[in-house]
Amino acid sequence: MYITITPQKLGGTYSQSSADFVGYLEKENQSLEQEEMEHFFNQYGDEISAEEVVKDIDGNGAKLKKTEPKFYSITVSPSKYELNRLQNSSEDLKRYTRELMKDYVVDFPFLGHL
């Protein structure tokens, strides 16, 4: 598995809102039928709206300085072996991601140097 954690920037400064990034991710769904769309999800639900994603992310940075990243993107790329075990199932991948994020949250205090 390969994981990257990237602070989101616009040019040389940190983005003040996640709206552009969420909009970028939503482009993947533009040409798809409703039943084929991939929705945002979290540990509690499977169909989180783009508006709710932006509200939750942007509402979580009140104590951050303008020189600090407001949010990070986390890219998880399972290996071929891991994908084969997941059988390329969207539901299995969501479960895998949720479990991975539980580990991330436990280790988060140690990731402050990223």
N, C-alpha and C. Protein backbone atom coordinates (compact mmCIF):
# COMPACT_ATOMS: atom_id res chain seq x y z
N MET A 1 0.83 -1.17 0.00
CA MET A 1 0.00 0.00 0.00
C MET A 1 0.89 1.24 0.00
N TYR A 2 0.45 2.23 -0.74
CA TYR A 2 1.15 3.50 -0.83
C TYR A 2 0.20 4.59 -0.35
N ILE A 3 0.65 5.42 0.57
CA ILE A 3 -0.19 6.49 1.11
C ILE A 3 0.56 7.82 0.99
N THR A 4 -0.14 8.84 0.53
CA THR A 4 0.42 10.19 0.55
C THR A 4 -0.52 11.09 1.34
N ILE A 5 0.06 12.01 2.08
CA ILE A 5 -0.70 13.01 2.84
C ILE A 5 -0.17 14.36 2.38
N THR A 6 -1.04 15.15 1.75
CA THR A 6 -0.61 16.37 1.10
C THR A 6 -1.41 17.57 1.57
N PRO A 7 -0.73 18.62 2.08
CA PRO A 7 -1.47 19.85 2.41
C PRO A 7 -1.96 20.49 1.13
N GLN A 8 -3.17 21.00 1.13
CA GLN A 8 -3.74 21.57 -0.08
C GLN A 8 -3.39 23.05 -0.21
N LYS A 9 -2.79 23.41 -1.33
CA LYS A 9 -2.36 24.78 -1.59
C LYS A 9 -2.98 25.30 -2.87
N LEU A 10 -3.11 26.60 -2.95
CA LEU A 10 -3.46 27.30 -4.17
C LEU A 10 -2.28 28.21 -4.47
N GLY A 11 -1.49 27.84 -5.44
CA GLY A 11 -0.28 28.62 -5.70
C GLY A 11 0.68 28.48 -4.54
N GLY A 12 1.11 29.60 -3.97
CA GLY A 12 2.06 29.57 -2.86
C GLY A 12 1.41 29.66 -1.50
N THR A 13 0.07 29.71 -1.43
CA THR A 13 -0.60 29.84 -0.14
C THR A 13 -1.55 28.67 0.07
N TYR A 14 -1.89 28.46 1.33
CA TYR A 14 -2.82 27.39 1.65
C TYR A 14 -4.24 27.80 1.34
N SER A 15 -4.99 26.89 0.78
CA SER A 15 -6.38 27.14 0.43
C SER A 15 -7.17 27.43 1.70
N GLN A 16 -8.06 28.41 1.64
CA GLN A 16 -8.88 28.76 2.79
C GLN A 16 -10.16 27.93 2.85
N SER A 17 -10.51 27.25 1.76
CA SER A 17 -11.72 26.43 1.71
C SER A 17 -11.43 25.15 0.93
N SER A 18 -12.16 24.11 1.27
CA SER A 18 -12.02 22.84 0.57
C SER A 18 -12.95 22.75 -0.64
N ALA A 19 -13.72 23.80 -0.90
CA ALA A 19 -14.74 23.77 -1.96
C ALA A 19 -14.16 23.45 -3.33
N ASP A 20 -13.05 24.06 -3.71
CA ASP A 20 -12.46 23.79 -5.02
C ASP A 20 -11.98 22.34 -5.13
N PHE A 21 -11.39 21.83 -4.06
CA PHE A 21 -10.90 20.46 -4.06
C PHE A 21 -12.06 19.47 -4.14
N VAL A 22 -13.12 19.71 -3.37
CA VAL A 22 -14.30 18.85 -3.41
C VAL A 22 -14.94 18.91 -4.79
N GLY A 23 -15.00 20.10 -5.39
CA GLY A 23 -15.52 20.25 -6.74
C GLY A 23 -14.72 19.46 -7.75
N TYR A 24 -13.40 19.48 -7.58
CA TYR A 24 -12.51 18.70 -8.45
C TYR A 24 -12.84 17.21 -8.34
N LEU A 25 -13.03 16.73 -7.13
CA LEU A 25 -13.36 15.32 -6.93
C LEU A 25 -14.73 14.97 -7.49
N GLU A 26 -15.65 15.90 -7.43
CA GLU A 26 -17.01 15.68 -7.94
C GLU A 26 -17.03 15.54 -9.46
N LYS A 27 -16.03 16.06 -10.16
CA LYS A 27 -16.00 15.97 -11.63
C LYS A 27 -16.02 14.52 -12.11
N GLU A 28 -15.52 13.61 -11.28
CA GLU A 28 -15.52 12.19 -11.64
C GLU A 28 -16.94 11.68 -11.87
N ASN A 29 -17.93 12.28 -11.23
CA ASN A 29 -19.31 11.82 -11.32
C ASN A 29 -20.12 12.49 -12.43
N GLN A 30 -19.58 13.51 -13.06
CA GLN A 30 -20.37 14.33 -13.99
C GLN A 30 -21.00 13.55 -15.13
N SER A 31 -20.32 12.60 -15.69
CA SER A 31 -20.86 11.89 -16.85
C SER A 31 -21.53 10.56 -16.48
N LEU A 32 -21.68 10.31 -15.18
CA LEU A 32 -22.24 9.02 -14.73
C LEU A 32 -23.72 9.13 -14.40
N GLU A 33 -24.40 8.01 -14.55
CA GLU A 33 -25.79 7.91 -14.10
C GLU A 33 -25.80 7.87 -12.57
N GLN A 34 -26.91 8.24 -11.96
CA GLN A 34 -27.02 8.32 -10.50
C GLN A 34 -26.55 7.03 -9.81
N GLU A 35 -26.97 5.88 -10.33
CA GLU A 35 -26.61 4.62 -9.67
C GLU A 35 -25.14 4.24 -9.85
N GLU A 36 -24.42 4.88 -10.76
CA GLU A 36 -23.00 4.60 -10.98
C GLU A 36 -22.09 5.56 -10.21
N MET A 37 -22.64 6.63 -9.66
CA MET A 37 -21.82 7.65 -9.01
C MET A 37 -21.18 7.12 -7.73
N GLU A 38 -19.99 7.62 -7.49
CA GLU A 38 -19.30 7.35 -6.23
C GLU A 38 -19.57 8.54 -5.31
N HIS A 39 -20.01 8.24 -4.10
CA HIS A 39 -20.36 9.29 -3.16
C HIS A 39 -19.27 9.42 -2.10
N PHE A 40 -19.22 10.60 -1.49
CA PHE A 40 -18.34 10.78 -0.34
C PHE A 40 -18.88 9.91 0.78
N PHE A 41 -17.97 9.43 1.63
CA PHE A 41 -18.38 8.62 2.77
C PHE A 41 -17.46 8.91 3.94
N ASN A 42 -17.94 8.60 5.12
CA ASN A 42 -17.12 8.71 6.32
C ASN A 42 -17.36 7.48 7.18
N GLN A 43 -16.94 7.53 8.43
CA GLN A 43 -17.10 6.35 9.28
C GLN A 43 -18.55 6.07 9.64
N TYR A 44 -19.45 7.05 9.41
CA TYR A 44 -20.85 6.89 9.82
C TYR A 44 -21.82 6.69 8.66
N GLY A 45 -21.48 7.16 7.47
CA GLY A 45 -22.43 7.10 6.38
C GLY A 45 -21.77 6.91 5.03
N ASP A 46 -22.60 6.52 4.04
CA ASP A 46 -22.09 6.20 2.71
C ASP A 46 -22.42 7.23 1.64
N GLU A 47 -23.35 8.11 1.87
CA GLU A 47 -23.74 9.07 0.84
C GLU A 47 -23.72 10.48 1.42
N ILE A 48 -22.53 11.01 1.62
CA ILE A 48 -22.35 12.34 2.18
C ILE A 48 -22.32 13.33 1.02
N SER A 49 -23.11 14.39 1.12
CA SER A 49 -23.17 15.37 0.03
C SER A 49 -21.88 16.19 -0.03
N ALA A 50 -21.59 16.72 -1.20
CA ALA A 50 -20.42 17.59 -1.37
C ALA A 50 -20.52 18.80 -0.46
N GLU A 51 -21.72 19.35 -0.31
CA GLU A 51 -21.92 20.52 0.54
C GLU A 51 -21.59 20.21 2.00
N GLU A 52 -22.00 19.02 2.46
CA GLU A 52 -21.70 18.62 3.83
C GLU A 52 -20.21 18.40 4.03
N VAL A 53 -19.55 17.84 3.03
CA VAL A 53 -18.10 17.63 3.11
C VAL A 53 -17.39 18.97 3.28
N VAL A 54 -17.74 19.94 2.45
CA VAL A 54 -17.12 21.27 2.52
C VAL A 54 -17.39 21.91 3.88
N LYS A 55 -18.64 21.85 4.33
CA LYS A 55 -19.02 22.46 5.61
C LYS A 55 -18.23 21.83 6.77
N ASP A 56 -18.13 20.50 6.78
CA ASP A 56 -17.42 19.82 7.87
C ASP A 56 -15.92 20.11 7.86
N ILE A 57 -15.32 20.11 6.68
CA ILE A 57 -13.88 20.37 6.60
C ILE A 57 -13.58 21.83 6.92
N ASP A 58 -14.31 22.74 6.29
CA ASP A 58 -14.04 24.17 6.50
C ASP A 58 -14.37 24.61 7.92
N GLY A 59 -15.32 23.96 8.55
CA GLY A 59 -15.70 24.32 9.92
C GLY A 59 -14.77 23.79 10.98
N ASN A 60 -13.74 23.08 10.57
CA ASN A 60 -12.84 22.44 11.53
C ASN A 60 -11.49 23.13 11.63
N GLY A 61 -11.36 24.36 11.14
CA GLY A 61 -10.05 25.01 11.13
C GLY A 61 -10.01 26.35 11.82
N ALA A 62 -10.92 26.60 12.75
CA ALA A 62 -11.02 27.92 13.37
C ALA A 62 -9.74 28.36 14.08
N LYS A 63 -9.00 27.43 14.65
CA LYS A 63 -7.81 27.77 15.43
C LYS A 63 -6.54 27.79 14.60
N LEU A 64 -6.67 27.56 13.30
CA LEU A 64 -5.49 27.52 12.44
C LEU A 64 -5.11 28.91 11.97
N LYS A 65 -3.80 29.12 11.84
CA LYS A 65 -3.30 30.39 11.30
C LYS A 65 -3.42 30.38 9.78
N LYS A 66 -3.37 31.55 9.17
CA LYS A 66 -3.45 31.63 7.70
C LYS A 66 -2.25 30.98 7.03
N THR A 67 -1.18 30.81 7.78
CA THR A 67 0.02 30.20 7.21
C THR A 67 0.04 28.68 7.39
N GLU A 68 -1.03 28.13 7.97
CA GLU A 68 -1.11 26.68 8.18
C GLU A 68 -2.12 26.07 7.20
N PRO A 69 -1.88 24.82 6.80
CA PRO A 69 -2.84 24.16 5.92
C PRO A 69 -4.19 23.99 6.62
N LYS A 70 -5.27 24.23 5.89
CA LYS A 70 -6.62 24.08 6.44
C LYS A 70 -7.11 22.64 6.33
N PHE A 71 -6.57 21.92 5.36
CA PHE A 71 -6.93 20.51 5.21
C PHE A 71 -5.85 19.82 4.38
N TYR A 72 -5.85 18.51 4.47
CA TYR A 72 -4.92 17.66 3.74
C TYR A 72 -5.72 16.69 2.89
N SER A 73 -5.16 16.30 1.78
CA SER A 73 -5.75 15.19 1.04
C SER A 73 -4.92 13.96 1.35
N ILE A 74 -5.60 12.87 1.55
CA ILE A 74 -4.94 11.60 1.83
C ILE A 74 -5.27 10.67 0.67
N THR A 75 -4.24 10.21 -0.01
CA THR A 75 -4.41 9.29 -1.12
C THR A 75 -3.94 7.91 -0.67
N VAL A 76 -4.83 6.94 -0.77
CA VAL A 76 -4.52 5.57 -0.39
C VAL A 76 -4.53 4.73 -1.66
N SER A 77 -3.41 4.11 -1.97
CA SER A 77 -3.30 3.27 -3.16
C SER A 77 -2.94 1.85 -2.73
N PRO A 78 -3.93 0.99 -2.63
CA PRO A 78 -3.64 -0.40 -2.25
C PRO A 78 -2.78 -1.09 -3.31
N SER A 79 -1.99 -2.03 -2.87
CA SER A 79 -1.16 -2.81 -3.79
C SER A 79 -2.05 -3.75 -4.61
N LYS A 80 -1.48 -4.35 -5.65
CA LYS A 80 -2.23 -5.32 -6.45
C LYS A 80 -2.72 -6.47 -5.58
N TYR A 81 -1.87 -6.91 -4.67
CA TYR A 81 -2.25 -7.99 -3.75
C TYR A 81 -3.46 -7.58 -2.91
N GLU A 82 -3.41 -6.37 -2.35
CA GLU A 82 -4.53 -5.89 -1.54
C GLU A 82 -5.81 -5.74 -2.37
N LEU A 83 -5.68 -5.22 -3.60
CA LEU A 83 -6.84 -5.08 -4.47
C LEU A 83 -7.45 -6.43 -4.81
N ASN A 84 -6.59 -7.43 -5.05
CA ASN A 84 -7.10 -8.78 -5.34
C ASN A 84 -7.87 -9.34 -4.14
N ARG A 85 -7.36 -9.08 -2.94
CA ARG A 85 -8.06 -9.54 -1.74
C ARG A 85 -9.39 -8.82 -1.57
N LEU A 86 -9.44 -7.57 -2.01
CA LEU A 86 -10.68 -6.79 -1.94
C LEU A 86 -11.60 -7.12 -3.10
N GLN A 87 -11.10 -7.84 -4.09
CA GLN A 87 -11.83 -8.23 -5.28
C GLN A 87 -12.37 -7.02 -6.04
N ASN A 88 -11.64 -5.90 -5.94
CA ASN A 88 -12.01 -4.66 -6.63
C ASN A 88 -13.45 -4.23 -6.34
N SER A 89 -13.98 -4.60 -5.22
CA SER A 89 -15.33 -4.24 -4.83
C SER A 89 -15.33 -2.86 -4.16
N SER A 90 -16.24 -1.99 -4.59
CA SER A 90 -16.35 -0.66 -4.02
C SER A 90 -16.66 -0.73 -2.52
N GLU A 91 -17.55 -1.63 -2.14
CA GLU A 91 -17.92 -1.77 -0.72
C GLU A 91 -16.74 -2.27 0.11
N ASP A 92 -15.99 -3.24 -0.43
CA ASP A 92 -14.81 -3.74 0.27
C ASP A 92 -13.77 -2.64 0.42
N LEU A 93 -13.62 -1.82 -0.61
CA LEU A 93 -12.65 -0.73 -0.56
C LEU A 93 -13.06 0.32 0.48
N LYS A 94 -14.34 0.59 0.61
CA LYS A 94 -14.81 1.51 1.65
C LYS A 94 -14.51 0.95 3.04
N ARG A 95 -14.80 -0.34 3.25
CA ARG A 95 -14.49 -0.96 4.55
C ARG A 95 -13.00 -0.88 4.84
N TYR A 96 -12.19 -1.19 3.84
CA TYR A 96 -10.74 -1.14 3.97
C TYR A 96 -10.29 0.27 4.36
N THR A 97 -10.85 1.27 3.68
CA THR A 97 -10.48 2.66 3.95
C THR A 97 -10.90 3.07 5.35
N ARG A 98 -12.09 2.68 5.76
CA ARG A 98 -12.54 3.01 7.12
C ARG A 98 -11.60 2.41 8.18
N GLU A 99 -11.20 1.16 7.99
CA GLU A 99 -10.28 0.53 8.93
C GLU A 99 -8.92 1.23 8.92
N LEU A 100 -8.46 1.57 7.75
CA LEU A 100 -7.19 2.28 7.61
C LEU A 100 -7.23 3.62 8.34
N MET A 101 -8.34 4.33 8.20
CA MET A 101 -8.48 5.64 8.84
C MET A 101 -8.55 5.52 10.36
N LYS A 102 -9.08 4.42 10.88
CA LYS A 102 -9.06 4.19 12.33
C LYS A 102 -7.61 4.14 12.82
N ASP A 103 -6.76 3.44 12.07
CA ASP A 103 -5.33 3.38 12.42
C ASP A 103 -4.69 4.75 12.30
N TYR A 104 -5.04 5.50 11.27
CA TYR A 104 -4.50 6.84 11.06
C TYR A 104 -4.84 7.74 12.24
N VAL A 105 -6.09 7.70 12.69
CA VAL A 105 -6.53 8.55 13.80
C VAL A 105 -5.76 8.21 15.07
N VAL A 106 -5.53 6.92 15.31
CA VAL A 106 -4.76 6.51 16.49
C VAL A 106 -3.34 7.05 16.42
N ASP A 107 -2.75 7.04 15.22
CA ASP A 107 -1.37 7.49 15.04
C ASP A 107 -1.24 8.98 14.77
N PHE A 108 -2.36 9.69 14.64
CA PHE A 108 -2.34 11.09 14.22
C PHE A 108 -1.41 11.97 15.04
N PRO A 109 -1.36 11.88 16.38
CA PRO A 109 -0.45 12.76 17.12
C PRO A 109 1.02 12.63 16.67
N PHE A 110 1.38 11.48 16.15
CA PHE A 110 2.75 11.24 15.72
C PHE A 110 3.02 11.72 14.30
N LEU A 111 1.96 12.13 13.59
CA LEU A 111 2.10 12.55 12.20
C LEU A 111 2.21 14.06 12.06
N GLY A 112 2.33 14.78 13.16
CA GLY A 112 2.35 16.23 13.12
C GLY A 112 3.49 16.83 12.34
N HIS A 113 4.53 16.06 12.06
CA HIS A 113 5.69 16.57 11.33
C HIS A 113 5.50 16.56 9.82
N LEU A 114 4.39 16.01 9.31
CA LEU A 114 4.18 15.90 7.87
C LEU A 114 3.92 17.24 7.23
